[in-house]
C-alpha atoms as a PDB file:
ATOM      1  CA  UNK A   1     147.207  62.086  32.809  1.00  0.00           C
ATOM      2  CA  UNK A   2     146.254  58.462  31.928  1.00  0.00           C
ATOM      3  CA  UNK A   3     147.302  56.058  33.991  1.00  0.00           C
ATOM      4  CA  UNK A   4     150.711  54.059  32.520  1.00  0.00           C
ATOM      5  CA  UNK A   5     149.204  51.420  30.291  1.00  0.00           C
ATOM      6  CA  UNK A   6     146.988  53.844  28.997  1.00  0.00           C
ATOM      7  CA  UNK A   7     144.091  53.082  30.413  1.00  0.00           C
ATOM      8  CA  UNK A   8     141.523  55.917  31.220  1.00  0.00           C
ATOM      9  CA  UNK A   9     138.815  56.147  33.422  1.00  0.00           C
ATOM     10  CA  UNK A  10     135.881  58.747  32.737  1.00  0.00           C
ATOM     11  CA  UNK A  11     132.229  59.655  35.123  1.00  0.00           C
ATOM     12  CA  UNK A  12     128.948  58.937  33.590  1.00  0.00           C
ATOM     13  CA  UNK A  13     126.228  61.358  35.388  1.00  0.00           C
ATOM     14  CA  UNK A  14     123.353  60.194  34.712  1.00  0.00           C
ATOM     15  CA  UNK A  15     119.777  61.250  35.937  1.00  0.00           C
ATOM     16  CA  UNK A  16     119.581  63.945  39.336  1.00  0.00           C
ATOM     17  CA  UNK A  17     123.118  63.943  39.623  1.00  0.00           C
ATOM     18  CA  UNK A  18     124.274  60.195  40.360  1.00  0.00           C
ATOM     19  CA  UNK A  19     128.134  59.469  39.143  1.00  0.00           C
ATOM     20  CA  UNK A  20     129.352  56.626  37.556  1.00  0.00           C
ATOM     21  CA  UNK A  21     132.691  55.813  37.334  1.00  0.00           C
ATOM     22  CA  UNK A  22     133.940  53.376  34.035  1.00  0.00           C
ATOM     23  CA  UNK A  23     137.467  51.995  33.257  1.00  0.00           C
ATOM     24  CA  UNK A  24     138.089  52.105  29.768  1.00  0.00           C
ATOM     25  CA  UNK A  25     140.682  49.809  28.973  1.00  0.00           C
ATOM     26  CA  UNK A  26     143.704  50.273  26.395  1.00  0.00           C
ATOM     27  CA  UNK A  27     142.806  47.940  24.404  1.00  0.00           C
ATOM     28  CA  UNK A  28     138.845  49.571  24.280  1.00  0.00           C
ATOM     29  CA  UNK A  29     139.493  52.280  23.623  1.00  0.00           C
ATOM     30  CA  UNK A  30     141.168  51.789  20.432  1.00  0.00           C
ATOM     31  CA  UNK A  31     139.155  49.557  19.014  1.00  0.00           C
ATOM     32  CA  UNK A  32     135.578  49.723  19.905  1.00  0.00           C
ATOM     33  CA  UNK A  33     132.783  52.219  19.454  1.00  0.00           C
ATOM     34  CA  UNK A  34     130.662  54.450  21.463  1.00  0.00           C
ATOM     35  CA  UNK A  35     128.606  51.291  22.093  1.00  0.00           C
ATOM     36  CA  UNK A  36     130.501  49.782  24.984  1.00  0.00           C
ATOM     37  CA  UNK A  37     130.065  53.337  27.143  1.00  0.00           C
ATOM     38  CA  UNK A  38     126.083  52.348  26.821  1.00  0.00           C
ATOM     39  CA  UNK A  39     126.921  49.144  27.489  1.00  0.00           C
ATOM     40  CA  UNK A  40     128.573  50.104  30.691  1.00  0.00           C
ATOM     41  CA  UNK A  41     126.209  53.101  31.644  1.00  0.00           C
ATOM     42  CA  UNK A  42     123.542  50.355  30.784  1.00  0.00           C
ATOM     43  CA  UNK A  43     124.595  48.020  33.438  1.00  0.00           C
ATOM     44  CA  UNK A  44     124.920  51.115  36.356  1.00  0.00           C
ATOM     45  CA  UNK A  45     122.199  52.500  35.665  1.00  0.00           C
ATOM     46  CA  UNK A  46     118.997  50.321  34.155  1.00  0.00           C
ATOM     47  CA  UNK A  47     118.069  52.670  31.471  1.00  0.00           C
ATOM     48  CA  UNK A  48     118.766  50.718  28.460  1.00  0.00           C
ATOM     49  CA  UNK A  49     121.548  51.640  25.694  1.00  0.00           C
ATOM     50  CA  UNK A  50     118.471  51.813  22.674  1.00  0.00           C
ATOM     51  CA  UNK A  51     117.258  55.031  25.095  1.00  0.00           C
ATOM     52  CA  UNK A  52     119.829  56.665  26.798  1.00  0.00           C
ATOM     53  CA  UNK A  53     121.083  60.110  25.084  1.00  0.00           C
ATOM     54  CA  UNK A  54     125.711  60.612  25.870  1.00  0.00           C
ATOM     55  CA  UNK A  55     127.058  64.155  25.786  1.00  0.00           C
ATOM     56  CA  UNK A  56     129.966  65.340  25.741  1.00  0.00           C
ATOM     57  CA  UNK A  57     131.348  68.688  25.365  1.00  0.00           C
ATOM     58  CA  UNK A  58     128.138  70.520  23.962  1.00  0.00           C
ATOM     59  CA  UNK A  59     127.801  67.269  21.685  1.00  0.00           C
ATOM     60  CA  UNK A  60     125.792  64.586  21.104  1.00  0.00           C
ATOM     61  CA  UNK A  61     127.539  60.324  21.080  1.00  0.00           C
ATOM     62  CA  UNK A  62     126.575  58.626  17.923  1.00  0.00           C
ATOM     63  CA  UNK A  63     126.843  55.104  18.229  1.00  0.00           C
ATOM     64  CA  UNK A  64     128.867  54.023  15.411  1.00  0.00           C
ATOM     65  CA  UNK A  65     131.759  57.605  16.654  1.00  0.00           C
ATOM     66  CA  UNK A  66     134.994  54.706  17.753  1.00  0.00           C
ATOM     67  CA  UNK A  67     136.632  56.058  21.161  1.00  0.00           C
ATOM     68  CA  UNK A  68     139.627  56.547  19.869  1.00  0.00           C
ATOM     69  CA  UNK A  69     138.333  59.691  18.512  1.00  0.00           C
ATOM     70  CA  UNK A  70     136.197  61.489  20.774  1.00  0.00           C
ATOM     71  CA  UNK A  71     139.483  62.940  22.460  1.00  0.00           C
ATOM     72  CA  UNK A  72     138.830  61.144  25.950  1.00  0.00           C
ATOM     73  CA  UNK A  73     140.642  61.940  29.433  1.00  0.00           C
ATOM     74  CA  UNK A  74     140.546  60.742  32.831  1.00  0.00           C
ATOM     75  CA  UNK A  75     137.469  61.594  34.500  1.00  0.00           C
ATOM     76  CA  UNK A  76     136.340  63.714  31.733  1.00  0.00           C
ATOM     77  CA  UNK A  77     132.369  63.896  32.253  1.00  0.00           C
ATOM     78  CA  UNK A  78     129.964  62.412  30.193  1.00  0.00           C
ATOM     79  CA  UNK A  79     126.191  63.209  29.937  1.00  0.00           C
ATOM     80  CA  UNK A  80     123.414  60.268  29.866  1.00  0.00           C
ATOM     81  CA  UNK A  81     120.102  61.384  29.409  1.00  0.00           C
ATOM     82  CA  UNK A  82     117.304  58.885  29.212  1.00  0.00           C
ATOM     83  CA  UNK A  83     114.896  57.181  30.848  1.00  0.00           C
ATOM     84  CA  UNK A  84     115.185  53.445  32.897  1.00  0.00           C
ATOM     85  CA  UNK A  85     113.358  50.526  31.623  1.00  0.00           C
ATOM     86  CA  UNK A  86     110.022  50.019  33.527  1.00  0.00           C
ATOM     87  CA  UNK A  87     108.707  46.783  32.539  1.00  0.00           C
ATOM     88  CA  UNK A  88     104.982  47.783  33.570  1.00  0.00           C
ATOM     89  CA  UNK A  89     105.639  50.788  32.116  1.00  0.00           C
ATOM     90  CA  UNK A  90     106.991  48.322  29.205  1.00  0.00           C
ATOM     91  CA  UNK A  91     103.530  46.641  28.787  1.00  0.00           C
ATOM     92  CA  UNK A  92     101.472  50.041  28.738  1.00  0.00           C
ATOM     93  CA  UNK A  93     103.605  51.239  25.300  1.00  0.00           C
ATOM     94  CA  UNK A  94     103.388  47.225  23.654  1.00  0.00           C
ATOM     95  CA  UNK A  95      99.905  47.641  24.274  1.00  0.00           C
ATOM     96  CA  UNK A  96      99.445  51.358  22.474  1.00  0.00           C
ATOM     97  CA  UNK A  97     101.946  50.009  20.085  1.00  0.00           C
ATOM     98  CA  UNK A  98      99.576  47.200  18.902  1.00  0.00           C
ATOM     99  CA  UNK A  99      96.536  49.931  18.601  1.00  0.00           C
ATOM    100  CA  UNK A 100      98.443  52.403  16.935  1.00  0.00           C
ATOM    101  CA  UNK A 101      99.601  49.199  14.231  1.00  0.00           C
ATOM    102  CA  UNK A 102      95.667  48.083  13.949  1.00  0.00           C
ATOM    103  CA  UNK A 103      94.308  52.092  14.222  1.00  0.00           C
ATOM    104  CA  UNK A 104      97.055  52.174  10.635  1.00  0.00           C
ATOM    105  CA  UNK A 105      95.249  48.855   9.091  1.00  0.00           C
ATOM    106  CA  UNK A 106      91.778  50.269   9.276  1.00  0.00           C
ATOM    107  CA  UNK A 107      92.779  53.808   8.153  1.00  0.00           C
ATOM    108  CA  UNK A 108      94.496  52.082   4.498  1.00  0.00           C
ATOM    109  CA  UNK A 109      91.053  50.617   4.212  1.00  0.00           C
ATOM    110  CA  UNK A 110      89.878  53.827   4.677  1.00  0.00           C
ATOM    111  CA  UNK A 111      91.484  55.543   2.328  1.00  0.00           C
ATOM    112  CA  UNK A 112      90.935  52.555  -0.478  1.00  0.00           C
ATOM    113  CA  UNK A 113      87.510  53.601  -0.201  1.00  0.00           C
ATOM    114  CA  UNK A 114      87.924  57.294  -0.824  1.00  0.00           C
ATOM    115  CA  UNK A 115      89.384  56.786  -3.587  1.00  0.00           C
ATOM    116  CA  UNK A 116      86.520  54.275  -4.989  1.00  0.00           C
ATOM    117  CA  UNK A 117      83.956  57.090  -4.171  1.00  0.00           C
ATOM    118  CA  UNK A 118      86.470  59.172  -5.975  1.00  0.00           C
ATOM    119  CA  UNK A 119      86.424  57.174  -9.337  1.00  0.00           C
ATOM    120  CA  UNK A 120      82.138  57.589  -9.231  1.00  0.00           C
ATOM    121  CA  UNK A 121      82.523  61.240  -8.487  1.00  0.00           C
ATOM    122  CA  UNK A 122      84.945  61.304 -11.278  1.00  0.00           C
ATOM    123  CA  UNK A 123      82.114  59.228 -13.924  1.00  0.00           C
ATOM    124  CA  UNK A 124      84.074  56.660 -13.694  1.00  0.00           C
ATOM    125  CA  UNK A 125      81.016  54.198 -13.311  1.00  0.00           C
ATOM    126  CA  UNK A 126      78.292  53.055 -15.320  1.00  0.00           C
ATOM    127  CA  UNK A 127      75.666  54.842 -14.078  1.00  0.00           C
ATOM    128  CA  UNK A 128      73.496  52.809 -13.923  1.00  0.00           C
ATOM    129  CA  UNK A 129      75.875  50.894 -10.617  1.00  0.00           C
ATOM    130  CA  UNK A 130      76.217  53.895  -8.965  1.00  0.00           C
ATOM    131  CA  UNK A 131      73.617  53.354  -6.193  1.00  0.00           C
ATOM    132  CA  UNK A 132      74.879  50.095  -5.656  1.00  0.00           C
ATOM    133  CA  UNK A 133      78.604  50.461  -6.032  1.00  0.00           C
ATOM    134  CA  UNK A 134      78.141  53.997  -3.022  1.00  0.00           C
ATOM    135  CA  UNK A 135      75.498  51.226  -0.780  1.00  0.00           C
ATOM    136  CA  UNK A 136      78.504  48.568  -0.395  1.00  0.00           C
ATOM    137  CA  UNK A 137      81.548  51.440  -0.033  1.00  0.00           C
ATOM    138  CA  UNK A 138      79.074  53.348   2.779  1.00  0.00           C
ATOM    139  CA  UNK A 139      79.001  49.282   4.610  1.00  0.00           C
ATOM    140  CA  UNK A 140      82.025  49.126   4.415  1.00  0.00           C
ATOM    141  CA  UNK A 141      83.625  52.326   5.597  1.00  0.00           C
ATOM    142  CA  UNK A 142      80.487  52.106   9.010  1.00  0.00           C
ATOM    143  CA  UNK A 143      82.065  48.552   9.588  1.00  0.00           C
ATOM    144  CA  UNK A 144      85.763  50.720   9.787  1.00  0.00           C
ATOM    145  CA  UNK A 145      84.410  53.564  11.985  1.00  0.00           C
ATOM    146  CA  UNK A 146      82.769  50.410  14.423  1.00  0.00           C
ATOM    147  CA  UNK A 147      86.620  49.179  14.699  1.00  0.00           C
ATOM    148  CA  UNK A 148      87.946  52.671  15.200  1.00  0.00           C
ATOM    149  CA  UNK A 149      85.392  53.505  18.086  1.00  0.00           C
ATOM    150  CA  UNK A 150      85.987  49.627  19.566  1.00  0.00           C
ATOM    151  CA  UNK A 151      89.577  51.133  19.918  1.00  0.00           C
ATOM    152  CA  UNK A 152      88.516  54.135  21.440  1.00  0.00           C
ATOM    153  CA  UNK A 153      86.614  51.176  23.852  1.00  0.00           C
ATOM    154  CA  UNK A 154      89.666  49.474  23.576  1.00  0.00           C
ATOM    155  CA  UNK A 155      92.196  52.658  24.745  1.00  0.00           C
ATOM    156  CA  UNK A 156      89.799  54.683  27.381  1.00  0.00           C
ATOM    157  CA  UNK A 157      89.911  50.863  29.652  1.00  0.00           C
ATOM    158  CA  UNK A 158      93.787  50.982  29.450  1.00  0.00           C
ATOM    159  CA  UNK A 159      94.507  52.617  33.010  1.00  0.00           C
ATOM    160  CA  UNK A 160      97.521  54.511  33.020  1.00  0.00           C
ATOM    161  CA  UNK A 161      99.407  55.960  36.432  1.00  0.00           C
ATOM    162  CA  UNK A 162     100.324  59.770  36.522  1.00  0.00           C
ATOM    163  CA  UNK A 163     103.701  58.778  36.962  1.00  0.00           C
ATOM    164  CA  UNK A 164     104.314  56.651  33.617  1.00  0.00           C
ATOM    165  CA  UNK A 165     104.794  60.222  31.424  1.00  0.00           C
ATOM    166  CA  UNK A 166     105.593  58.272  28.173  1.00  0.00           C
ATOM    167  CA  UNK A 167     102.990  55.364  28.203  1.00  0.00           C
ATOM    168  CA  UNK A 168     100.036  58.568  28.874  1.00  0.00           C
ATOM    169  CA  UNK A 169     101.436  60.809  26.309  1.00  0.00           C
ATOM    170  CA  UNK A 170     101.420  57.571  24.179  1.00  0.00           C
ATOM    171  CA  UNK A 171      97.404  57.510  24.418  1.00  0.00           C
ATOM    172  CA  UNK A 172      97.021  60.725  24.801  1.00  0.00           C
ATOM    173  CA  UNK A 173      98.415  61.630  21.294  1.00  0.00           C
ATOM    174  CA  UNK A 174      96.922  57.633  20.106  1.00  0.00           C
ATOM    175  CA  UNK A 175      92.940  58.884  21.271  1.00  0.00           C
ATOM    176  CA  UNK A 176      93.314  62.065  19.133  1.00  0.00           C
ATOM    177  CA  UNK A 177      94.697  60.387  16.115  1.00  0.00           C
ATOM    178  CA  UNK A 178      91.972  58.029  16.011  1.00  0.00           C
ATOM    179  CA  UNK A 179      89.419  60.514  16.773  1.00  0.00           C
ATOM    180  CA  UNK A 180      90.929  61.966  13.614  1.00  0.00           C
ATOM    181  CA  UNK A 181      90.406  59.467  11.052  1.00  0.00           C
ATOM    182  CA  UNK A 182      86.945  58.945  12.793  1.00  0.00           C
ATOM    183  CA  UNK A 183      86.180  62.662  11.149  1.00  0.00           C
ATOM    184  CA  UNK A 184      87.799  61.599   7.488  1.00  0.00           C
ATOM    185  CA  UNK A 185      85.504  58.414   8.254  1.00  0.00           C
ATOM    186  CA  UNK A 186      82.277  60.835   9.352  1.00  0.00           C
ATOM    187  CA  UNK A 187      83.265  62.813   5.802  1.00  0.00           C
ATOM    188  CA  UNK A 188      83.718  60.472   3.790  1.00  0.00           C
ATOM    189  CA  UNK A 189      79.768  58.945   5.058  1.00  0.00           C
ATOM    190  CA  UNK A 190      78.331  62.169   4.033  1.00  0.00           C
ATOM    191  CA  UNK A 191      79.832  61.918   0.541  1.00  0.00           C
ATOM    192  CA  UNK A 192      77.975  58.173   0.095  1.00  0.00           C
ATOM    193  CA  UNK A 193      74.370  59.675   2.056  1.00  0.00           C
ATOM    194  CA  UNK A 194      73.979  62.447  -0.997  1.00  0.00           C
ATOM    195  CA  UNK A 195      75.075  60.120  -3.422  1.00  0.00           C
ATOM    196  CA  UNK A 196      72.279  57.519  -2.241  1.00  0.00           C
ATOM    197  CA  UNK A 197      69.590  60.073  -1.845  1.00  0.00           C
ATOM    198  CA  UNK A 198      70.176  62.452  -5.184  1.00  0.00           C
ATOM    199  CA  UNK A 199      69.096  61.388  -8.205  1.00  0.00           C
ATOM    200  CA  UNK A 200      71.105  61.073 -10.990  1.00  0.00           C
ATOM    201  CA  UNK A 201      73.609  59.891  -7.777  1.00  0.00           C
ATOM    202  CA  UNK A 202      76.752  60.821  -9.580  1.00  0.00           C
ATOM    203  CA  UNK A 203      75.629  64.533 -10.498  1.00  0.00           C
ATOM    204  CA  UNK A 204      74.608  64.957  -7.208  1.00  0.00           C
ATOM    205  CA  UNK A 205      77.961  64.066  -5.694  1.00  0.00           C
ATOM    206  CA  UNK A 206      80.092  66.490  -7.933  1.00  0.00           C
ATOM    207  CA  UNK A 207      77.528  69.603  -6.780  1.00  0.00           C
ATOM    208  CA  UNK A 208      78.103  69.053  -3.592  1.00  0.00           C
ATOM    209  CA  UNK A 209      81.124  67.705  -2.491  1.00  0.00           C
ATOM    210  CA  UNK A 210      83.331  69.522  -4.277  1.00  0.00           C
ATOM    211  CA  UNK A 211      84.510  71.673  -0.892  1.00  0.00           C
ATOM    212  CA  UNK A 212      84.071  68.133   1.150  1.00  0.00           C
ATOM    213  CA  UNK A 213      86.933  66.725  -0.561  1.00  0.00           C
ATOM    214  CA  UNK A 214      88.595  69.770  -0.237  1.00  0.00           C
ATOM    215  CA  UNK A 215      88.616  69.694   3.021  1.00  0.00           C
ATOM    216  CA  UNK A 216      88.398  65.114   2.724  1.00  0.00           C
ATOM    217  CA  UNK A 217      92.127  65.293   1.442  1.00  0.00           C
ATOM    218  CA  UNK A 218      93.620  67.599   3.359  1.00  0.00           C
ATOM    219  CA  UNK A 219      92.604  65.778   6.792  1.00  0.00           C
ATOM    220  CA  UNK A 220      93.864  62.276   5.364  1.00  0.00           C
ATOM    221  CA  UNK A 221      96.894  64.276   4.532  1.00  0.00           C
ATOM    222  CA  UNK A 222      97.176  65.232   7.815  1.00  0.00           C
ATOM    223  CA  UNK A 223      96.747  61.765   8.851  1.00  0.00           C
ATOM    224  CA  UNK A 224      99.151  59.937   6.494  1.00  0.00           C
ATOM    225  CA  UNK A 225     101.639  62.226   8.295  1.00  0.00           C
ATOM    226  CA  UNK A 226     100.389  61.060  11.146  1.00  0.00           C
ATOM    227  CA  UNK A 227     101.759  57.525  10.094  1.00  0.00           C
ATOM    228  CA  UNK A 228     105.116  58.724   8.874  1.00  0.00           C
ATOM    229  CA  UNK A 229     105.657  60.303  11.939  1.00  0.00           C
ATOM    230  CA  UNK A 230     103.872  59.898  15.250  1.00  0.00           C
ATOM    231  CA  UNK A 231     103.055  56.496  14.110  1.00  0.00           C
ATOM    232  CA  UNK A 232     106.365  55.697  13.841  1.00  0.00           C
ATOM    233  CA  UNK A 233     107.735  57.283  16.692  1.00  0.00           C
ATOM    234  CA  UNK A 234     105.217  54.817  18.114  1.00  0.00           C
ATOM    235  CA  UNK A 235     106.487  51.903  16.818  1.00  0.00           C
ATOM    236  CA  UNK A 236     110.398  53.020  17.605  1.00  0.00           C
ATOM    237  CA  UNK A 237     111.302  55.017  20.069  1.00  0.00           C
END
């Protein structure tokens, strides 16, 4: 039963079964949200509120839930899932997030180059201007590929201890993605190479790159999905 003043005490169960008792005054119980619990748990466990996942009676508690609607009772247990704040790992994660943003910017440039190549394929450029245009596109594309390679070198230079599982996972995912971006860039390069060697260029592009283009579109779509989902999670998790 609750105490006379209607305040209650709940038990937050964190990692390894460690229990922390949290007192909730009656006024707080009536007016505050789950954020109150998260802040208290952060103080007791060093798990930042943004990293917490609270479970009560098998259901996840959302920040917007009011405490008064949770039917809390004295000594009720609330499971706490989440990772403690670690300054060293946090620095690794920040560095990887910044690198992921750099990769996204390069990939935007590659996508623009791809669109221009498609325009040449479709005959949108005067025949006499194609060779020069393709050479410029190739130069821009090679610059992007060099940036990708530099990023891979930088990622390789980030040494993360095995105990920092999250940071190591983020690094591994980002490396795989950059390699995929390089693959896409190589596919576009092969199309440009065909155009430079062919005569007339535009006919050779159309004749040789139809299958490559289909493959490229699939890869670009995959990269874009990664940026919308994976890369976004790297920035906000």
